[in-house]
Amino acid sequence: MLRNMHVHDAQSIVVVLPGQSVAMASSLGQSISNIDIYQDRYVVARTSKSLVLVDLTRNVTGEILWGGRGKERFYFGNPEVT
């Protein structure tokens, strides 16, 4: 559950969960416009051109180019994929 969020600048966000935090930034230099947390483990952040994905348990981050409109559904059935 999202407990606190601090915006440090236009490209990075720190998400604070009970006992967990992560600094996020778009490798494309895009501003993060929206952030969602699923299952208290997976963070999905949206920019205008991409999705930034974080697995808080494994401390891994990935970013993919994405042109979706915010109506996407996510499947987290394979914990080894970020």
N, C-alpha and C. Protein backbone atom coordinates (compact mmCIF):
# COMPACT_ATOMS: atom_id res chain seq x y z
N MET A 1 0.84 -1.17 0.00
CA MET A 1 0.00 0.00 0.00
C MET A 1 0.89 1.24 0.00
N LEU A 2 0.60 2.18 -0.85
CA LEU A 2 1.36 3.42 -0.94
C LEU A 2 1.19 4.22 0.33
N ARG A 3 2.28 4.50 0.99
CA ARG A 3 2.23 5.24 2.25
C ARG A 3 2.62 6.70 2.06
N ASN A 4 3.59 6.96 1.21
CA ASN A 4 4.09 8.31 1.05
C ASN A 4 4.79 8.42 -0.30
N MET A 5 4.76 9.58 -0.90
CA MET A 5 5.42 9.78 -2.18
C MET A 5 6.05 11.16 -2.17
N HIS A 6 7.32 11.22 -2.54
CA HIS A 6 8.05 12.47 -2.59
C HIS A 6 8.53 12.70 -4.01
N VAL A 7 8.24 13.84 -4.58
CA VAL A 7 8.72 14.18 -5.91
C VAL A 7 9.98 15.03 -5.73
N HIS A 8 11.10 14.54 -6.25
CA HIS A 8 12.36 15.25 -6.13
C HIS A 8 12.61 16.17 -7.31
N ASP A 9 12.27 15.74 -8.49
CA ASP A 9 12.34 16.59 -9.67
C ASP A 9 11.40 16.01 -10.72
N ALA A 10 11.42 16.54 -11.90
CA ALA A 10 10.45 16.13 -12.92
C ALA A 10 10.64 14.69 -13.36
N GLN A 11 11.83 14.13 -13.23
CA GLN A 11 12.06 12.78 -13.73
C GLN A 11 12.10 11.69 -12.67
N SER A 12 12.17 12.02 -11.41
CA SER A 12 12.30 10.94 -10.43
C SER A 12 11.27 11.05 -9.32
N ILE A 13 10.92 9.90 -8.81
CA ILE A 13 9.94 9.79 -7.72
C ILE A 13 10.47 8.75 -6.75
N VAL A 14 10.34 8.99 -5.48
CA VAL A 14 10.70 8.00 -4.47
C VAL A 14 9.40 7.48 -3.88
N VAL A 15 9.22 6.18 -3.94
CA VAL A 15 8.03 5.54 -3.40
C VAL A 15 8.41 4.92 -2.06
N VAL A 16 7.67 5.23 -1.03
CA VAL A 16 7.98 4.70 0.30
C VAL A 16 6.84 3.77 0.72
N LEU A 17 7.19 2.53 0.97
CA LEU A 17 6.27 1.52 1.48
C LEU A 17 6.76 1.13 2.87
N PRO A 18 6.01 0.40 3.62
CA PRO A 18 6.50 -0.02 4.93
C PRO A 18 7.83 -0.76 4.80
N GLY A 19 8.91 -0.12 5.18
CA GLY A 19 10.23 -0.74 5.12
C GLY A 19 10.87 -0.77 3.75
N GLN A 20 10.27 -0.17 2.74
CA GLN A 20 10.83 -0.22 1.40
C GLN A 20 10.78 1.15 0.75
N SER A 21 11.79 1.44 -0.06
CA SER A 21 11.75 2.65 -0.87
C SER A 21 12.57 2.42 -2.12
N VAL A 22 12.26 3.18 -3.15
CA VAL A 22 12.98 3.06 -4.41
C VAL A 22 12.96 4.42 -5.10
N ALA A 23 14.10 4.79 -5.68
CA ALA A 23 14.16 6.00 -6.48
C ALA A 23 13.88 5.59 -7.92
N MET A 24 12.99 6.30 -8.58
CA MET A 24 12.60 5.95 -9.95
C MET A 24 12.88 7.12 -10.87
N ALA A 25 13.29 6.81 -12.08
CA ALA A 25 13.46 7.83 -13.11
C ALA A 25 13.31 7.17 -14.47
N SER A 26 12.82 7.91 -15.41
CA SER A 26 12.72 7.43 -16.78
C SER A 26 14.10 7.53 -17.43
N SER A 27 14.56 6.42 -18.01
CA SER A 27 15.85 6.46 -18.71
C SER A 27 15.75 7.27 -20.00
N LEU A 28 14.53 7.56 -20.42
CA LEU A 28 14.30 8.38 -21.62
C LEU A 28 14.21 9.87 -21.28
N GLY A 29 14.31 10.19 -19.98
CA GLY A 29 14.25 11.58 -19.56
C GLY A 29 12.85 12.16 -19.51
N GLN A 30 11.84 11.30 -19.51
CA GLN A 30 10.44 11.74 -19.49
C GLN A 30 9.98 11.97 -18.06
N SER A 31 9.05 12.89 -17.88
CA SER A 31 8.45 13.11 -16.57
C SER A 31 7.47 12.00 -16.24
N ILE A 32 7.51 11.52 -15.02
CA ILE A 32 6.57 10.50 -14.57
C ILE A 32 5.27 11.20 -14.21
N SER A 33 4.18 10.75 -14.85
CA SER A 33 2.90 11.42 -14.67
C SER A 33 1.95 10.68 -13.75
N ASN A 34 2.14 9.37 -13.60
CA ASN A 34 1.22 8.57 -12.80
C ASN A 34 1.99 7.38 -12.24
N ILE A 35 1.62 6.96 -11.05
CA ILE A 35 2.28 5.82 -10.44
C ILE A 35 1.24 4.96 -9.72
N ASP A 36 1.34 3.65 -9.93
CA ASP A 36 0.45 2.69 -9.28
C ASP A 36 1.29 1.59 -8.67
N ILE A 37 0.81 1.04 -7.54
CA ILE A 37 1.48 -0.07 -6.89
C ILE A 37 0.49 -1.22 -6.81
N TYR A 38 0.96 -2.41 -7.23
CA TYR A 38 0.12 -3.60 -7.25
C TYR A 38 0.73 -4.64 -6.30
N GLN A 39 -0.12 -5.30 -5.55
CA GLN A 39 0.25 -6.40 -4.66
C GLN A 39 1.36 -6.01 -3.69
N ASP A 40 1.47 -4.74 -3.34
CA ASP A 40 2.52 -4.23 -2.45
C ASP A 40 3.92 -4.61 -2.91
N ARG A 41 4.08 -4.86 -4.21
CA ARG A 41 5.37 -5.33 -4.73
C ARG A 41 5.75 -4.67 -6.05
N TYR A 42 4.80 -4.52 -6.95
CA TYR A 42 5.09 -4.06 -8.29
C TYR A 42 4.68 -2.60 -8.47
N VAL A 43 5.60 -1.78 -8.97
CA VAL A 43 5.32 -0.37 -9.23
C VAL A 43 5.27 -0.18 -10.74
N VAL A 44 4.21 0.46 -11.21
CA VAL A 44 4.08 0.80 -12.63
C VAL A 44 3.94 2.31 -12.70
N ALA A 45 4.92 2.95 -13.31
CA ALA A 45 4.89 4.41 -13.47
C ALA A 45 4.74 4.72 -14.95
N ARG A 46 3.91 5.70 -15.27
CA ARG A 46 3.66 6.07 -16.66
C ARG A 46 4.34 7.40 -16.99
N THR A 47 4.90 7.47 -18.18
CA THR A 47 5.33 8.73 -18.76
C THR A 47 4.53 8.90 -20.04
N SER A 48 4.75 9.98 -20.75
CA SER A 48 4.02 10.18 -22.00
C SER A 48 4.43 9.20 -23.09
N LYS A 49 5.61 8.56 -22.95
CA LYS A 49 6.11 7.66 -23.99
C LYS A 49 6.47 6.26 -23.50
N SER A 50 6.37 5.99 -22.19
CA SER A 50 6.87 4.71 -21.70
C SER A 50 6.18 4.29 -20.41
N LEU A 51 6.47 3.04 -20.01
CA LEU A 51 6.11 2.51 -18.70
C LEU A 51 7.41 2.17 -17.97
N VAL A 52 7.54 2.62 -16.74
CA VAL A 52 8.67 2.26 -15.90
C VAL A 52 8.15 1.24 -14.89
N LEU A 53 8.78 0.08 -14.85
CA LEU A 53 8.31 -1.03 -14.02
C LEU A 53 9.35 -1.35 -12.96
N VAL A 54 8.90 -1.56 -11.72
CA VAL A 54 9.81 -1.88 -10.63
C VAL A 54 9.25 -3.05 -9.84
N ASP A 55 10.11 -4.01 -9.53
CA ASP A 55 9.78 -5.09 -8.60
C ASP A 55 10.49 -4.75 -7.30
N LEU A 56 9.73 -4.35 -6.29
CA LEU A 56 10.31 -3.93 -5.02
C LEU A 56 10.97 -5.08 -4.27
N THR A 57 10.48 -6.30 -4.45
CA THR A 57 11.04 -7.45 -3.75
C THR A 57 12.43 -7.80 -4.28
N ARG A 58 12.59 -7.76 -5.60
CA ARG A 58 13.88 -8.11 -6.20
C ARG A 58 14.75 -6.90 -6.50
N ASN A 59 14.20 -5.69 -6.31
CA ASN A 59 14.93 -4.45 -6.54
C ASN A 59 15.46 -4.35 -7.98
N VAL A 60 14.57 -4.63 -8.93
CA VAL A 60 14.92 -4.50 -10.35
C VAL A 60 13.95 -3.53 -11.02
N THR A 61 14.46 -2.84 -12.03
CA THR A 61 13.69 -1.83 -12.75
C THR A 61 13.82 -2.07 -14.24
N GLY A 62 12.76 -1.79 -14.98
CA GLY A 62 12.78 -1.86 -16.43
C GLY A 62 11.91 -0.76 -17.00
N GLU A 63 12.17 -0.40 -18.23
CA GLU A 63 11.36 0.61 -18.91
C GLU A 63 11.12 0.16 -20.34
N ILE A 64 9.89 0.32 -20.78
CA ILE A 64 9.54 -0.04 -22.16
C ILE A 64 8.83 1.15 -22.81
N LEU A 65 9.05 1.31 -24.10
CA LEU A 65 8.29 2.32 -24.84
C LEU A 65 6.84 1.91 -24.85
N TRP A 66 5.94 2.87 -24.62
CA TRP A 66 4.53 2.53 -24.50
C TRP A 66 3.69 3.73 -24.90
N GLY A 67 2.71 3.49 -25.72
CA GLY A 67 1.82 4.56 -26.16
C GLY A 67 0.39 4.35 -25.73
N GLY A 68 0.19 3.56 -24.68
CA GLY A 68 -1.16 3.26 -24.21
C GLY A 68 -1.87 4.48 -23.66
N ARG A 69 -3.14 4.31 -23.36
CA ARG A 69 -3.97 5.41 -22.90
C ARG A 69 -4.37 5.32 -21.43
N GLY A 70 -3.73 4.41 -20.67
CA GLY A 70 -4.03 4.31 -19.25
C GLY A 70 -5.10 3.30 -18.89
N LYS A 71 -5.60 2.56 -19.86
CA LYS A 71 -6.63 1.55 -19.60
C LYS A 71 -6.05 0.14 -19.60
N GLU A 72 -4.73 0.04 -19.50
CA GLU A 72 -4.07 -1.25 -19.56
C GLU A 72 -4.36 -2.10 -18.33
N ARG A 73 -4.25 -3.40 -18.52
CA ARG A 73 -4.34 -4.35 -17.42
C ARG A 73 -2.99 -5.05 -17.34
N PHE A 74 -2.57 -5.35 -16.14
CA PHE A 74 -1.26 -5.95 -15.96
C PHE A 74 -1.40 -7.32 -15.33
N TYR A 75 -0.53 -8.24 -15.74
CA TYR A 75 -0.52 -9.61 -15.24
C TYR A 75 0.80 -9.82 -14.50
N PHE A 76 0.72 -10.17 -13.24
CA PHE A 76 1.92 -10.34 -12.42
C PHE A 76 2.10 -11.80 -12.00
N GLY A 77 1.69 -12.73 -12.85
CA GLY A 77 1.74 -14.14 -12.54
C GLY A 77 3.13 -14.75 -12.62
N ASN A 78 4.07 -14.09 -13.30
CA ASN A 78 5.44 -14.60 -13.39
C ASN A 78 6.34 -13.63 -12.65
N PRO A 79 6.73 -13.93 -11.41
CA PRO A 79 7.51 -12.99 -10.61
C PRO A 79 8.92 -12.76 -11.11
N GLU A 80 9.40 -13.56 -12.06
CA GLU A 80 10.75 -13.41 -12.58
C GLU A 80 10.84 -12.43 -13.74
N VAL A 81 9.72 -11.87 -14.17
CA VAL A 81 9.73 -10.96 -15.31
C VAL A 81 9.40 -9.55 -14.82
N THR A 82 10.23 -8.61 -15.22
CA THR A 82 9.95 -7.21 -14.91
C THR A 82 9.83 -6.46 -16.21
